């Protein structure tokens, strides 16, 4: 590589690059044919801000131009076994990293020395927002492991970077890939084992909400057993207490945070991912995981619940229209009328009232009404959380509840006033619960829909676009990575 090209790469001089290309169209070919070489793209990515103040933007644009002219340079390893994106991360050149990942997202998955992709380096020394962006642009990169079988979670915990760990955990949970938390390194240690070995209590408390602490490494040790065997100067009794509390089922760390509390806040993606899941989301995932283990898909089980609930609601409503024993066909005030079910003297009744009476009637109506109101609420809960459809469903289901109540009240014998009052309470409660379910589901849906990730124009521009960054923010990012 000529000295002029080397200097142009250092300062990000695009004009000089094209001037050299006009003089010698093959000037870039000299490094392309070498299997492992420091290309101009490597030089631009490894140059620090001390080369020329305020030139990080120019070097990022230079890197994009070179990568467009010679795409192979972006994936080429130098003699140290790293790509330009690796070098940009190691030298705190966040703009160059963003420029390259928008140009080709597969660059995030190129492995270098030790089998490391750029993602683990970002987890070790990069700012949380950059790590979140790498995951956002290449979600599958979370599955890459090093030559030591370490996931990016292992590396973040070993680097004692709790912010990166929070971003990674948030991402894994939100894409339903909790199984990655159980992946083991070459010694069979999971992330929980690593957190225990490094005495990282914050990591343990977050992990124990989502994984089974009984998982063992290749030596047959759980995290707690590995901790108990450690008697050296780094032994931390608090770590053991946390692990034992998790095993005993003691909820030391309840989640009070609610997902919808973030609605309307202008959050960056990293900030959003670092928040833990709400209790509702956790229970939803536990139910889904249980159904998956039983071989039942969540969507299919939801459809099954709707079908069963509709059948039960239909049968119970019909049970009021056609009760066992039927209705009286005549009226009497003297108790001398003939009963269709008994030779004994019937109680006073009116035509159209139920023949069934006494404790048997109370039990029948009570169980039937509970089944009906529960089925109606389940139908509402399992239907899509669409504003128009849910509103229509809420109104019609509430009307159905009250028609059930009116039909029941008109056919009950006159000596069951307490039963009527009790039934009014059940149906009124159900009529309020139904709309509350609808409102809650619409609210949660809206909270997710309007959750804004503060991905600035420089962070979500089209691929290949590099936008001038705020220098104060860029300085803070560089301080974070140092």
Protein backbone atom coordinates (compact mmCIF):
# COMPACT_ATOMS: atom_id res chain seq x y z
CA UNK A 1 0.00 0.00 0.00
CA UNK A 2 1.35 3.42 -0.99
CA UNK A 3 2.06 6.05 1.65
CA UNK A 4 -0.45 8.45 0.05
CA UNK A 5 -3.23 5.85 0.24
CA UNK A 6 -2.26 5.02 3.83
CA UNK A 7 -2.43 8.68 4.83
CA UNK A 8 -5.73 9.18 3.01
CA UNK A 9 -7.21 6.26 4.97
CA UNK A 10 -5.92 7.65 8.26
CA UNK A 11 -7.67 10.99 7.89
CA UNK A 12 -10.63 9.81 5.81
CA UNK A 13 -9.74 11.86 2.70
CA UNK A 14 -12.19 10.63 0.06
CA UNK A 15 -10.99 13.14 -2.54
CA UNK A 16 -7.46 11.81 -2.23
CA UNK A 17 -8.78 8.23 -2.60
CA UNK A 18 -10.41 8.95 -5.94
CA UNK A 19 -7.45 10.99 -7.13
CA UNK A 20 -5.26 7.95 -6.50
CA UNK A 21 -7.75 5.74 -8.32
CA UNK A 22 -7.57 8.00 -11.37
CA UNK A 23 -3.79 7.79 -11.28
CA UNK A 24 -3.78 4.00 -10.76
CA UNK A 25 -7.11 2.10 -11.12
CA UNK A 26 -5.47 -1.02 -9.64
CA UNK A 27 -4.19 0.65 -6.49
CA UNK A 28 -6.60 -1.29 -4.26
CA UNK A 29 -5.85 -4.65 -5.88
CA UNK A 30 -2.47 -4.98 -4.19
CA UNK A 31 -4.06 -5.77 -0.83
CA UNK A 32 -7.09 -7.61 -2.18
CA UNK A 33 -5.02 -10.58 -3.33
CA UNK A 34 -3.31 -10.99 0.06
CA UNK A 35 -5.22 -13.45 2.32
CA UNK A 36 -4.56 -11.49 5.53
CA UNK A 37 -3.74 -7.81 5.11
CA UNK A 38 -4.34 -4.37 6.55
CA UNK A 39 -6.47 -2.80 3.83
CA UNK A 40 -7.28 0.92 3.59
CA UNK A 41 -10.54 0.04 5.29
CA UNK A 42 -8.63 -1.44 8.24
CA UNK A 43 -6.48 1.70 8.44
CA UNK A 44 -9.54 3.99 8.48
CA UNK A 45 -11.22 1.86 11.16
CA UNK A 46 -8.15 1.74 13.41
CA UNK A 47 -7.21 5.43 13.26
CA UNK A 48 -8.01 7.34 16.43
CA UNK A 49 -9.31 10.87 16.83
CA UNK A 50 -5.79 11.99 17.67
CA UNK A 51 -4.93 11.66 13.97
CA UNK A 52 -7.05 14.66 13.17
CA UNK A 53 -9.60 16.28 15.44
CA UNK A 54 -13.18 15.98 14.27
CA UNK A 55 -12.31 13.52 11.47
CA UNK A 56 -14.29 10.50 12.72
CA UNK A 57 -17.14 11.46 10.41
CA UNK A 58 -14.82 11.65 7.40
CA UNK A 59 -13.26 8.28 8.23
CA UNK A 60 -16.72 6.72 8.49
CA UNK A 61 -17.63 8.03 5.04
CA UNK A 62 -14.24 6.90 3.73
CA UNK A 63 -14.87 3.41 5.12
CA UNK A 64 -18.24 3.20 3.36
CA UNK A 65 -16.76 4.29 0.04
CA UNK A 66 -13.91 1.77 0.24
CA UNK A 67 -16.35 -1.01 1.26
CA UNK A 68 -18.51 -0.16 -1.76
CA UNK A 69 -15.50 -0.17 -4.11
CA UNK A 70 -14.09 -3.37 -2.64
CA UNK A 71 -16.77 -5.31 -0.68
CA UNK A 72 -14.26 -8.04 0.18
CA UNK A 73 -12.26 -5.57 2.29
CA UNK A 74 -15.09 -5.31 4.83
CA UNK A 75 -14.89 -9.06 5.57
CA UNK A 76 -11.14 -9.50 5.24
CA UNK A 77 -9.10 -10.40 8.32
CA UNK A 78 -5.79 -8.67 8.90
CA UNK A 79 -2.72 -10.51 10.34
CA UNK A 80 -4.14 -9.95 13.83
CA UNK A 81 -7.29 -11.81 12.87
CA UNK A 82 -9.76 -8.92 12.95
CA UNK A 83 -12.02 -7.21 10.41
CA UNK A 84 -12.47 -3.45 9.98
CA UNK A 85 -15.60 -3.58 12.16
CA UNK A 86 -13.63 -5.30 14.93
CA UNK A 87 -10.97 -2.58 14.68
CA UNK A 88 -13.53 0.23 14.71
CA UNK A 89 -14.98 -1.16 17.94
CA UNK A 90 -11.59 -1.67 19.55
CA UNK A 91 -10.65 1.94 18.72
CA UNK A 92 -13.93 3.50 19.79
CA UNK A 93 -14.95 4.52 16.25
CA UNK A 94 -18.70 4.18 16.79
CA UNK A 95 -19.60 6.11 13.62
CA UNK A 96 -17.57 3.75 11.47
CA UNK A 97 -19.24 0.77 13.17
CA UNK A 98 -22.69 2.20 12.46
CA UNK A 99 -21.75 3.02 8.87
CA UNK A 100 -20.49 -0.52 8.19
CA UNK A 101 -23.41 -2.31 9.84
CA UNK A 102 -25.89 -0.31 7.77
CA UNK A 103 -23.96 -1.09 4.62
CA UNK A 104 -24.00 -4.86 5.24
CA UNK A 105 -25.56 -6.39 8.34
CA UNK A 106 -23.72 -9.68 7.77
CA UNK A 107 -20.50 -7.94 8.79
CA UNK A 108 -21.77 -8.25 12.37
CA UNK A 109 -21.46 -12.05 12.10
CA UNK A 110 -17.94 -12.29 10.65
CA UNK A 111 -15.71 -14.17 13.08
CA UNK A 112 -12.17 -13.12 13.84
CA UNK A 113 -9.51 -14.14 16.34
CA UNK A 114 -10.86 -16.56 18.94
CA UNK A 115 -14.06 -16.95 16.95
CA UNK A 116 -15.29 -13.56 18.14
CA UNK A 117 -17.70 -11.55 16.07
CA UNK A 118 -17.97 -7.75 16.56
CA UNK A 119 -20.94 -8.28 18.92
CA UNK A 120 -18.89 -9.63 21.88
CA UNK A 121 -16.45 -6.73 21.54
CA UNK A 122 -19.36 -4.29 21.66
CA UNK A 123 -20.62 -6.11 24.77
CA UNK A 124 -17.20 -5.74 26.41
CA UNK A 125 -16.32 -2.12 25.67
CA UNK A 126 -19.06 -0.48 23.61
CA UNK A 127 -21.89 1.78 24.78
CA UNK A 128 -25.21 -0.01 25.45
CA UNK A 129 -27.01 1.83 22.65
CA UNK A 130 -24.51 0.64 20.03
CA UNK A 131 -24.87 -2.93 21.29
CA UNK A 132 -28.65 -2.64 21.01
CA UNK A 133 -28.36 -1.33 17.45
CA UNK A 134 -26.13 -4.25 16.43
CA UNK A 135 -28.77 -6.65 17.74
CA UNK A 136 -31.54 -4.68 16.06
CA UNK A 137 -29.84 -4.78 12.64
CA UNK A 138 -28.74 -8.42 12.91
CA UNK A 139 -30.94 -10.32 15.41
CA UNK A 140 -29.37 -13.69 14.54
CA UNK A 141 -25.96 -12.47 15.78
CA UNK A 142 -27.08 -13.29 19.34
CA UNK A 143 -26.63 -16.99 18.45
CA UNK A 144 -22.94 -16.76 17.51
CA UNK A 145 -20.43 -18.40 19.86
CA UNK A 146 -16.67 -18.13 20.13
CA UNK A 147 -14.09 -20.90 19.69
CA UNK A 148 -14.47 -21.50 23.44
CA UNK A 149 -18.26 -21.97 22.96
CA UNK A 150 -18.94 -18.74 24.80
CA UNK A 151 -22.03 -16.73 23.97
CA UNK A 152 -22.01 -12.95 24.04
CA UNK A 153 -23.76 -13.27 27.42
CA UNK A 154 -20.79 -15.18 28.84
CA UNK A 155 -18.41 -12.50 27.57
CA UNK A 156 -20.46 -9.56 28.90
CA UNK A 157 -20.59 -11.11 32.38
CA UNK A 158 -16.88 -11.97 32.39
CA UNK A 159 -16.13 -8.39 31.32
CA UNK A 160 -18.20 -7.19 34.30
CA UNK A 161 -20.31 -5.04 31.97
CA UNK A 162 -23.71 -5.09 33.65
CA UNK A 163 -25.27 -2.58 31.25
CA UNK A 164 -24.40 -4.78 28.28
CA UNK A 165 -25.76 -7.80 30.14
CA UNK A 166 -29.07 -6.01 30.72
CA UNK A 167 -29.38 -5.11 27.04
CA UNK A 168 -28.60 -8.68 25.96
CA UNK A 169 -30.99 -10.23 28.48
CA UNK A 170 -33.77 -7.84 27.46
CA UNK A 171 -33.24 -8.70 23.81
CA UNK A 172 -33.20 -12.47 24.43
CA UNK A 173 -36.43 -12.32 26.43
CA UNK A 174 -38.24 -10.17 23.90
CA UNK A 175 -37.40 -12.43 20.97
CA UNK A 176 -38.33 -15.57 22.96
CA UNK A 177 -34.84 -17.09 22.91
CA UNK A 178 -34.46 -17.84 26.62
CA UNK A 179 -32.83 -21.15 25.64
CA UNK A 180 -29.63 -19.18 24.92
CA UNK A 181 -29.33 -18.62 28.67
CA UNK A 182 -28.76 -22.38 29.02
CA UNK A 183 -25.97 -22.59 26.42
CA UNK A 184 -22.68 -23.79 27.89
CA UNK A 185 -19.07 -22.88 27.23
CA UNK A 186 -16.29 -25.42 26.78
CA UNK A 187 -16.32 -26.17 30.52
CA UNK A 188 -20.08 -26.63 30.54
CA UNK A 189 -20.71 -23.40 32.42
CA UNK A 190 -23.83 -21.40 31.72
CA UNK A 191 -24.08 -17.64 32.21
CA UNK A 192 -25.34 -18.33 35.76
CA UNK A 193 -22.20 -20.34 36.53
CA UNK A 194 -20.03 -17.49 35.20
CA UNK A 195 -21.94 -14.92 37.27
CA UNK A 196 -21.45 -17.12 40.35
CA UNK A 197 -17.73 -17.54 39.70
CA UNK A 198 -17.27 -13.78 39.24
CA UNK A 199 -19.47 -12.95 42.27
CA UNK A 200 -21.79 -10.81 40.17
CA UNK A 201 -24.90 -10.65 42.37
CA UNK A 202 -26.83 -8.24 40.12
CA UNK A 203 -26.51 -10.61 37.18
CA UNK A 204 -27.59 -13.57 39.31
CA UNK A 205 -30.71 -11.83 40.60
CA UNK A 206 -31.79 -10.99 37.05
CA UNK A 207 -31.01 -14.46 35.67
CA UNK A 208 -32.76 -16.38 38.44
CA UNK A 209 -36.09 -14.85 37.40
CA UNK A 210 -35.88 -16.56 34.04
CA UNK A 211 -33.84 -19.78 34.23
CA UNK A 212 -33.63 -22.98 36.25
CA UNK A 213 -30.84 -22.80 38.82
CA UNK A 214 -30.49 -26.61 38.85
CA UNK A 215 -28.65 -26.71 35.50
CA UNK A 216 -25.22 -28.39 35.83
CA UNK A 217 -21.88 -27.89 34.11
CA UNK A 218 -19.68 -30.67 32.71
CA UNK A 219 -18.36 -31.39 36.22
CA UNK A 220 -21.90 -32.09 37.37
CA UNK A 221 -22.08 -28.94 39.50
CA UNK A 222 -24.91 -26.49 39.81
CA UNK A 223 -24.07 -22.84 40.36
CA UNK A 224 -24.74 -23.23 44.08
CA UNK A 225 -22.56 -26.34 44.36
CA UNK A 226 -19.76 -24.59 42.48
CA UNK A 227 -20.04 -21.66 44.89
CA UNK A 228 -19.98 -23.90 47.97
CA UNK A 229 -16.76 -25.55 46.80
CA UNK A 230 -15.04 -22.17 46.54
CA UNK A 231 -13.29 -21.37 49.82
CA UNK A 232 -10.69 -18.91 48.56
CA UNK A 233 -10.42 -15.16 49.13
CA UNK A 234 -13.02 -14.48 46.44
CA UNK A 235 -15.73 -16.46 48.21
CA UNK A 236 -18.85 -14.29 48.62
CA UNK A 237 -21.51 -15.45 51.09
CA UNK A 238 -24.11 -13.13 49.58
CA UNK A 239 -23.90 -15.02 46.26
CA UNK A 240 -24.75 -18.25 48.07
CA UNK A 241 -27.65 -16.62 49.88
CA UNK A 242 -29.15 -15.45 46.59
CA UNK A 243 -28.82 -18.90 45.04
CA UNK A 244 -30.34 -20.65 48.05
CA UNK A 245 -33.22 -18.18 48.15
CA UNK A 246 -33.95 -18.95 44.49
CA UNK A 247 -33.88 -22.69 45.14
CA UNK A 248 -36.29 -22.37 48.06
CA UNK A 249 -38.66 -20.38 45.91
CA UNK A 250 -38.36 -17.22 48.00
CA UNK A 251 -39.24 -14.28 45.75
CA UNK A 252 -36.54 -11.92 47.00
CA UNK A 253 -36.83 -9.72 43.97
CA UNK A 254 -40.45 -9.16 42.92
CA UNK A 255 -41.07 -7.23 39.73
CA UNK A 256 -43.10 -4.13 40.41
CA UNK A 257 -42.23 -2.49 37.11
CA UNK A 258 -45.09 -2.51 34.62
CA UNK A 259 -44.41 -2.48 30.90
CA UNK A 260 -47.06 0.06 30.11
CA UNK A 261 -45.45 2.54 32.47
CA UNK A 262 -42.94 3.16 29.69
CA UNK A 263 -45.62 4.18 27.20
CA UNK A 264 -45.16 7.65 25.83
CA UNK A 265 -41.59 7.94 27.08
CA UNK A 266 -38.94 8.77 24.53
CA UNK A 267 -36.60 5.84 25.17
CA UNK A 268 -33.53 4.73 23.33
CA UNK A 269 -33.55 1.07 22.35
CA UNK A 270 -30.88 0.19 24.92
CA UNK A 271 -32.89 1.83 27.72
CA UNK A 272 -35.99 -0.12 26.74
CA UNK A 273 -34.17 -3.46 26.63
CA UNK A 274 -32.56 -2.88 30.02
CA UNK A 275 -35.97 -2.75 31.72
CA UNK A 276 -37.12 -6.11 33.01
CA UNK A 277 -40.35 -7.71 31.84
CA UNK A 278 -43.58 -7.04 33.70
CA UNK A 279 -45.25 -9.72 35.82
CA UNK A 280 -47.96 -10.06 33.15
CA UNK A 281 -45.37 -10.76 30.45
CA UNK A 282 -43.52 -13.21 32.70
CA UNK A 283 -46.68 -15.20 33.44
CA UNK A 284 -47.66 -15.16 29.79
CA UNK A 285 -44.27 -16.62 28.87
CA UNK A 286 -44.48 -19.26 31.60
CA UNK A 287 -47.90 -20.37 30.36
CA UNK A 288 -46.68 -20.40 26.76
CA UNK A 289 -43.58 -22.42 27.73
CA UNK A 290 -45.72 -24.92 29.66
CA UNK A 291 -48.04 -25.36 26.68
CA UNK A 292 -45.06 -25.76 24.35
CA UNK A 293 -43.64 -28.48 26.61
CA UNK A 294 -47.01 -30.23 26.42
CA UNK A 295 -46.88 -30.07 22.64
CA UNK A 296 -49.63 -27.44 22.40
CA UNK A 297 -48.96 -24.27 20.49
CA UNK A 298 -50.02 -21.07 22.22
CA UNK A 299 -52.04 -19.79 19.24
CA UNK A 300 -53.80 -23.14 18.87
CA UNK A 301 -54.58 -23.33 22.59
CA UNK A 302 -56.04 -19.82 22.46
CA UNK A 303 -58.32 -20.83 19.60
CA UNK A 304 -59.28 -23.98 21.53
CA UNK A 305 -60.19 -21.91 24.61
CA UNK A 306 -62.43 -19.65 22.49
CA UNK A 307 -64.24 -22.63 20.95
CA UNK A 308 -64.78 -24.31 24.33
CA UNK A 309 -65.90 -21.04 25.96
CA UNK A 310 -68.45 -20.44 23.20
CA UNK A 311 -69.82 -23.97 23.58
CA UNK A 312 -70.09 -23.59 27.37
CA UNK A 313 -71.75 -20.16 27.07
CA UNK A 314 -74.26 -21.58 24.56
CA UNK A 315 -75.05 -24.62 26.73
CA UNK A 316 -75.44 -22.63 29.94
CA UNK A 317 -77.66 -20.00 28.29
CA UNK A 318 -79.77 -22.82 26.88
CA UNK A 319 -79.88 -24.29 30.39
CA UNK A 320 -81.84 -21.21 31.51
CA UNK A 321 -84.19 -21.26 28.52
CA UNK A 322 -84.86 -24.99 28.98
CA UNK A 323 -84.20 -25.92 32.63
CA UNK A 324 -84.57 -29.49 33.96
CA UNK A 325 -88.25 -30.10 34.81
CA UNK A 326 -89.44 -27.38 32.46
CA UNK A 327 -91.85 -24.56 33.35
CA UNK A 328 -95.30 -24.45 34.90
CA UNK A 329 -98.06 -24.34 32.34
CA UNK A 330 -100.64 -22.83 34.67
CA UNK A 331 -100.89 -20.42 37.59
CA UNK A 332 -102.11 -20.98 41.13
CA UNK A 333 -102.35 -19.03 44.34
CA UNK A 334 -103.89 -21.79 46.50
CA UNK A 335 -101.33 -24.55 46.12
CA UNK A 336 -103.98 -26.92 44.51
CA UNK A 337 -102.51 -27.12 41.05
CA UNK A 338 -101.07 -30.32 39.69
CA UNK A 339 -97.32 -30.79 39.55
CA UNK A 340 -95.72 -32.52 36.60
CA UNK A 341 -92.93 -33.86 38.70
CA UNK A 342 -94.56 -34.80 41.98
CA UNK A 343 -97.87 -35.92 43.50
CA UNK A 344 -97.37 -33.63 46.47
CA UNK A 345 -99.05 -30.25 46.75
CA UNK A 346 -96.99 -27.65 44.82
CA UNK A 347 -95.97 -24.25 46.10
CA UNK A 348 -97.75 -21.18 44.74
CA UNK A 349 -96.49 -20.42 41.21
CA UNK A 350 -97.21 -18.58 37.99
CA UNK A 351 -97.26 -19.91 34.44
CA UNK A 352 -93.79 -19.70 32.88
CA UNK A 353 -91.88 -20.11 36.13
CA UNK A 354 -89.43 -22.98 36.72
CA UNK A 355 -90.80 -26.17 38.19
CA UNK A 356 -87.48 -26.87 39.95
CA UNK A 357 -87.42 -25.46 43.46
CA UNK A 358 -85.53 -25.51 46.79
CA UNK A 359 -81.80 -26.14 47.30
CA UNK A 360 -81.51 -28.03 44.03
CA UNK A 361 -82.58 -24.93 42.11
CA UNK A 362 -80.08 -22.74 44.03
CA UNK A 363 -77.19 -25.11 43.18
CA UNK A 364 -78.21 -25.45 39.54
CA UNK A 365 -78.60 -21.71 38.93
CA UNK A 366 -75.40 -20.88 40.83
CA UNK A 367 -73.15 -23.30 38.93
CA UNK A 368 -74.82 -22.52 35.60
CA UNK A 369 -74.39 -18.76 36.08
CA UNK A 370 -70.76 -19.03 37.13
CA UNK A 371 -70.00 -21.15 34.06
CA UNK A 372 -71.82 -18.69 31.78
CA UNK A 373 -70.20 -15.51 33.13
CA UNK A 374 -66.72 -17.10 33.18
CA UNK A 375 -67.13 -18.25 29.56
CA UNK A 376 -68.18 -14.78 28.44
CA UNK A 377 -65.14 -13.23 30.12
CA UNK A 378 -62.84 -15.84 28.51
CA UNK A 379 -64.27 -15.09 25.08
CA UNK A 380 -63.52 -11.41 25.59
CA UNK A 381 -60.01 -12.11 26.91
CA UNK A 382 -59.00 -14.38 24.02
CA UNK A 383 -60.28 -12.26 21.15
CA UNK A 384 -57.87 -9.95 19.23
CA UNK A 385 -57.19 -6.65 21.02
CA UNK A 386 -58.53 -4.49 18.21
CA UNK A 387 -60.13 -1.20 19.25
CA UNK A 388 -63.21 -1.43 17.02
CA UNK A 389 -63.75 -5.17 17.31
CA UNK A 390 -63.06 -5.24 21.05
CA UNK A 391 -65.47 -2.35 21.58
CA UNK A 392 -68.17 -4.15 19.63
CA UNK A 393 -67.46 -7.40 21.50
CA UNK A 394 -67.54 -5.63 24.87
CA UNK A 395 -70.97 -4.09 24.17
CA UNK A 396 -72.55 -7.25 22.78
CA UNK A 397 -71.16 -9.51 25.53
CA UNK A 398 -72.37 -7.09 28.23
CA UNK A 399 -75.84 -7.06 26.64
CA UNK A 400 -75.78 -10.87 26.53
CA UNK A 401 -74.98 -11.01 30.25
CA UNK A 402 -77.96 -8.82 31.10
CA UNK A 403 -80.35 -10.72 28.80
CA UNK A 404 -79.29 -13.85 30.70
CA UNK A 405 -80.07 -12.08 33.97
CA UNK A 406 -83.47 -10.84 32.77
CA UNK A 407 -84.42 -14.26 31.38
CA UNK A 408 -83.43 -15.89 34.66
CA UNK A 409 -85.22 -13.35 36.85
CA UNK A 410 -88.49 -13.77 34.95
CA UNK A 411 -88.56 -17.55 35.42
CA UNK A 412 -87.39 -17.94 39.03
CA UNK A 413 -90.04 -18.93 41.59
CA UNK A 414 -91.24 -16.00 43.77
CA UNK A 415 -89.82 -17.45 47.00
CA UNK A 416 -86.19 -17.08 45.80
CA UNK A 417 -85.57 -13.38 46.37
CA UNK A 418 -82.07 -13.95 47.83
CA UNK A 419 -81.13 -16.05 44.80
CA UNK A 420 -82.20 -13.21 42.51
CA UNK A 421 -80.10 -10.69 44.46
CA UNK A 422 -77.10 -12.99 44.40
CA UNK A 423 -77.49 -13.51 40.64
CA UNK A 424 -77.65 -9.75 40.09
CA UNK A 425 -74.32 -9.39 41.91
CA UNK A 426 -72.65 -12.13 39.83
CA UNK A 427 -73.81 -10.76 36.48
CA UNK A 428 -73.07 -7.12 37.35
CA UNK A 429 -69.53 -8.07 38.41
CA UNK A 430 -69.04 -9.99 35.18
CA UNK A 431 -70.40 -7.06 33.15
CA UNK A 432 -67.76 -4.80 34.71
CA UNK A 433 -64.95 -7.37 34.44
CA UNK A 434 -65.51 -7.83 30.69
CA UNK A 435 -65.00 -4.15 29.78
CA UNK A 436 -62.02 -3.95 32.17
CA UNK A 437 -60.37 -6.84 30.30
CA UNK A 438 -60.98 -5.09 26.98
CA UNK A 439 -59.66 -1.75 28.22
CA UNK A 440 -56.58 -3.38 29.76
CA UNK A 441 -55.77 -5.29 26.56
CA UNK A 442 -56.21 -2.22 24.36
CA UNK A 443 -54.07 -0.18 26.77
CA UNK A 444 -51.26 -2.75 26.76
CA UNK A 445 -51.43 -3.01 22.97
CA UNK A 446 -51.29 0.78 22.64
CA UNK A 447 -48.41 0.97 25.11
CA UNK A 448 -46.39 -1.43 22.99
CA UNK A 449 -47.39 0.23 19.74
CA UNK A 450 -46.43 3.69 20.86
CA UNK A 451 -43.28 2.62 22.69
CA UNK A 452 -40.74 4.86 21.01
CA UNK A 453 -37.14 3.88 20.66
CA UNK A 454 -35.13 7.05 20.47
CA UNK A 455 -33.22 5.91 17.44
CA UNK A 456 -32.07 9.27 16.13
CA UNK A 457 -31.77 10.05 12.45
CA UNK A 458 -28.12 9.07 12.64
CA UNK A 459 -29.11 5.70 14.09
CA UNK A 460 -31.99 4.67 11.81
CA UNK A 461 -31.02 6.25 8.51
CA UNK A 462 -31.05 4.15 5.36
CA UNK A 463 -28.26 1.65 4.88
CA UNK A 464 -24.99 3.31 3.99
CA UNK A 465 -26.10 6.67 5.32
CA UNK A 466 -23.77 8.42 7.73
CA UNK A 467 -25.19 11.45 9.53
CA UNK A 468 -23.10 13.93 11.49
CA UNK A 469 -23.26 13.12 15.17
CA UNK A 470 -23.49 15.43 18.09
CA UNK A 471 -19.89 15.75 19.27
CA UNK A 472 -20.82 15.83 22.97
CA UNK A 473 -22.72 12.58 22.64
CA UNK A 474 -19.94 11.02 20.62
CA UNK A 475 -17.43 12.03 23.32
CA UNK A 476 -19.61 10.42 25.99
CA UNK A 477 -19.76 7.22 23.93
CA UNK A 478 -15.98 7.18 23.56
CA UNK A 479 -15.54 7.68 27.30
CA UNK A 480 -17.88 4.77 27.89
CA UNK A 481 -15.85 2.49 25.68
CA UNK A 482 -12.49 3.45 27.13
